């Protein structure tokens, strides 16, 4: 096996685990973690695509941009989860969706 096959399998595993977690969990913190796994798989795919095309710097700069945007999304999501826990008392998405008002 060459290294490209191993990296592609790792990317697919990360994206698969993230997608599975996104579809199955109901806790808000776990949903954020599943989204992080999806994005990490995409970041690795960007770097590998840059290396394969011979433009390693382009892949790395795109990856850094995605990391910055992903960090901002994660921080805002975690802040919203903390506030939801404080005011609503639960992190279960199904229970939050039944709220009125």
C-alpha atoms as a PDB file:
ATOM      1  CA  UNK A   1       0.000   0.000   0.000  1.00  0.00           C
ATOM      2  CA  UNK A   2       1.255   3.431  -0.791  1.00  0.00           C
ATOM      3  CA  UNK A   3       0.883   6.388   1.516  1.00  0.00           C
ATOM      4  CA  UNK A   4      -1.899   7.959  -0.572  1.00  0.00           C
ATOM      5  CA  UNK A   5      -4.131   4.935  -0.015  1.00  0.00           C
ATOM      6  CA  UNK A   6      -3.535   5.039   3.725  1.00  0.00           C
ATOM      7  CA  UNK A   7      -4.261   8.756   3.947  1.00  0.00           C
ATOM      8  CA  UNK A   8      -7.398   8.386   1.824  1.00  0.00           C
ATOM      9  CA  UNK A   9      -8.614   5.596   4.109  1.00  0.00           C
ATOM     10  CA  UNK A  10      -7.940   7.805   7.137  1.00  0.00           C
ATOM     11  CA  UNK A  11      -9.842  10.704   5.590  1.00  0.00           C
ATOM     12  CA  UNK A  12     -12.794   8.468   4.777  1.00  0.00           C
ATOM     13  CA  UNK A  13     -12.779   7.061   8.313  1.00  0.00           C
ATOM     14  CA  UNK A  14     -12.770  10.540   9.864  1.00  0.00           C
ATOM     15  CA  UNK A  15     -15.568  11.744   7.616  1.00  0.00           C
ATOM     16  CA  UNK A  16     -17.536   8.535   8.182  1.00  0.00           C
ATOM     17  CA  UNK A  17     -17.250   8.673  11.964  1.00  0.00           C
ATOM     18  CA  UNK A  18     -18.161  12.368  11.957  1.00  0.00           C
ATOM     19  CA  UNK A  19     -21.180  11.811   9.736  1.00  0.00           C
ATOM     20  CA  UNK A  20     -22.322   8.844  11.808  1.00  0.00           C
ATOM     21  CA  UNK A  21     -21.999  10.888  14.985  1.00  0.00           C
ATOM     22  CA  UNK A  22     -23.855  13.803  13.447  1.00  0.00           C
ATOM     23  CA  UNK A  23     -26.752  11.547  12.481  1.00  0.00           C
ATOM     24  CA  UNK A  24     -27.023   9.546  15.705  1.00  0.00           C
ATOM     25  CA  UNK A  25     -26.228  11.710  18.730  1.00  0.00           C
ATOM     26  CA  UNK A  26     -28.628  14.134  20.365  1.00  0.00           C
ATOM     27  CA  UNK A  27     -26.339  15.899  22.835  1.00  0.00           C
ATOM     28  CA  UNK A  28     -25.275  19.352  21.668  1.00  0.00           C
ATOM     29  CA  UNK A  29     -21.643  18.924  22.760  1.00  0.00           C
ATOM     30  CA  UNK A  30     -21.379  15.607  20.941  1.00  0.00           C
ATOM     31  CA  UNK A  31     -22.826  17.160  17.789  1.00  0.00           C
ATOM     32  CA  UNK A  32     -20.105  19.821  17.894  1.00  0.00           C
ATOM     33  CA  UNK A  33     -17.450  17.110  18.305  1.00  0.00           C
ATOM     34  CA  UNK A  34     -18.885  15.181  15.348  1.00  0.00           C
ATOM     35  CA  UNK A  35     -18.742  18.345  13.232  1.00  0.00           C
ATOM     36  CA  UNK A  36     -15.108  18.802  14.260  1.00  0.00           C
ATOM     37  CA  UNK A  37     -14.300  15.282  13.055  1.00  0.00           C
ATOM     38  CA  UNK A  38     -15.912  16.009   9.686  1.00  0.00           C
ATOM     39  CA  UNK A  39     -13.899  19.184   9.260  1.00  0.00           C
ATOM     40  CA  UNK A  40     -10.623  17.532  10.278  1.00  0.00           C
ATOM     41  CA  UNK A  41     -11.141  14.935   7.557  1.00  0.00           C
ATOM     42  CA  UNK A  42     -11.757  17.703   5.027  1.00  0.00           C
ATOM     43  CA  UNK A  43      -8.607  19.533   6.144  1.00  0.00           C
ATOM     44  CA  UNK A  44      -6.458  16.452   5.639  1.00  0.00           C
ATOM     45  CA  UNK A  45      -8.063  15.936   2.225  1.00  0.00           C
ATOM     46  CA  UNK A  46      -7.200  19.525   1.251  1.00  0.00           C
ATOM     47  CA  UNK A  47      -3.549  19.075   2.191  1.00  0.00           C
ATOM     48  CA  UNK A  48      -3.303  15.763   0.316  1.00  0.00           C
ATOM     49  CA  UNK A  49      -4.978  17.266  -2.753  1.00  0.00           C
ATOM     50  CA  UNK A  50      -2.486  20.128  -2.688  1.00  0.00           C
ATOM     51  CA  UNK A  51       0.405  17.693  -2.501  1.00  0.00           C
ATOM     52  CA  UNK A  52      -0.947  15.568  -5.337  1.00  0.00           C
ATOM     53  CA  UNK A  53      -1.425  18.567  -7.627  1.00  0.00           C
ATOM     54  CA  UNK A  54       2.056  19.884  -6.898  1.00  0.00           C
ATOM     55  CA  UNK A  55       0.746  22.991  -5.152  1.00  0.00           C
ATOM     56  CA  UNK A  56       1.455  22.104  -1.544  1.00  0.00           C
ATOM     57  CA  UNK A  57       1.370  25.721  -0.363  1.00  0.00           C
ATOM     58  CA  UNK A  58      -2.112  26.253  -1.795  1.00  0.00           C
ATOM     59  CA  UNK A  59      -3.443  23.175   0.018  1.00  0.00           C
ATOM     60  CA  UNK A  60      -1.826  24.250   3.258  1.00  0.00           C
ATOM     61  CA  UNK A  61      -3.141  27.804   3.040  1.00  0.00           C
ATOM     62  CA  UNK A  62      -6.649  26.518   2.361  1.00  0.00           C
ATOM     63  CA  UNK A  63      -6.296  24.175   5.331  1.00  0.00           C
ATOM     64  CA  UNK A  64      -5.228  27.032   7.628  1.00  0.00           C
ATOM     65  CA  UNK A  65      -8.197  29.092   6.450  1.00  0.00           C
ATOM     66  CA  UNK A  66     -10.570  26.222   7.195  1.00  0.00           C
ATOM     67  CA  UNK A  67      -8.970  25.717  10.618  1.00  0.00           C
ATOM     68  CA  UNK A  68      -9.548  29.371  11.538  1.00  0.00           C
ATOM     69  CA  UNK A  69     -13.163  29.331  10.368  1.00  0.00           C
ATOM     70  CA  UNK A  70     -13.785  25.987  12.076  1.00  0.00           C
ATOM     71  CA  UNK A  71     -12.364  27.241  15.357  1.00  0.00           C
ATOM     72  CA  UNK A  72     -14.675  30.252  15.297  1.00  0.00           C
ATOM     73  CA  UNK A  73     -17.689  28.028  14.597  1.00  0.00           C
ATOM     74  CA  UNK A  74     -16.709  25.628  17.387  1.00  0.00           C
ATOM     75  CA  UNK A  75     -16.260  28.410  19.944  1.00  0.00           C
ATOM     76  CA  UNK A  76     -19.610  29.974  19.094  1.00  0.00           C
ATOM     77  CA  UNK A  77     -21.318  26.564  19.159  1.00  0.00           C
ATOM     78  CA  UNK A  78     -19.843  25.695  22.540  1.00  0.00           C
ATOM     79  CA  UNK A  79     -20.831  29.096  23.941  1.00  0.00           C
ATOM     80  CA  UNK A  80     -24.390  28.553  22.724  1.00  0.00           C
ATOM     81  CA  UNK A  81     -24.407  25.071  24.253  1.00  0.00           C
ATOM     82  CA  UNK A  82     -23.281  26.436  27.623  1.00  0.00           C
ATOM     83  CA  UNK A  83     -25.984  29.096  27.528  1.00  0.00           C
ATOM     84  CA  UNK A  84     -28.610  26.528  26.503  1.00  0.00           C
ATOM     85  CA  UNK A  85     -27.613  24.321  29.426  1.00  0.00           C
ATOM     86  CA  UNK A  86     -27.767  27.284  31.784  1.00  0.00           C
ATOM     87  CA  UNK A  87     -31.183  28.613  30.720  1.00  0.00           C
ATOM     88  CA  UNK A  88     -33.014  25.556  29.409  1.00  0.00           C
ATOM     89  CA  UNK A  89     -31.409  22.940  31.632  1.00  0.00           C
ATOM     90  CA  UNK A  90     -30.737  20.346  28.955  1.00  0.00           C
ATOM     91  CA  UNK A  91     -28.452  19.703  26.019  1.00  0.00           C
ATOM     92  CA  UNK A  92     -30.800  17.235  24.314  1.00  0.00           C
ATOM     93  CA  UNK A  93     -31.658  18.600  20.872  1.00  0.00           C
ATOM     94  CA  UNK A  94     -35.060  16.869  20.749  1.00  0.00           C
ATOM     95  CA  UNK A  95     -36.131  18.440  24.028  1.00  0.00           C
ATOM     96  CA  UNK A  96     -34.931  21.845  22.862  1.00  0.00           C
ATOM     97  CA  UNK A  97     -36.919  21.572  19.629  1.00  0.00           C
ATOM     98  CA  UNK A  98     -40.194  21.175  21.550  1.00  0.00           C
ATOM     99  CA  UNK A  99     -39.821  24.517  23.335  1.00  0.00           C
ATOM    100  CA  UNK A 100     -42.325  27.238  22.501  1.00  0.00           C
ATOM    101  CA  UNK A 101     -41.728  30.942  22.443  1.00  0.00           C
END
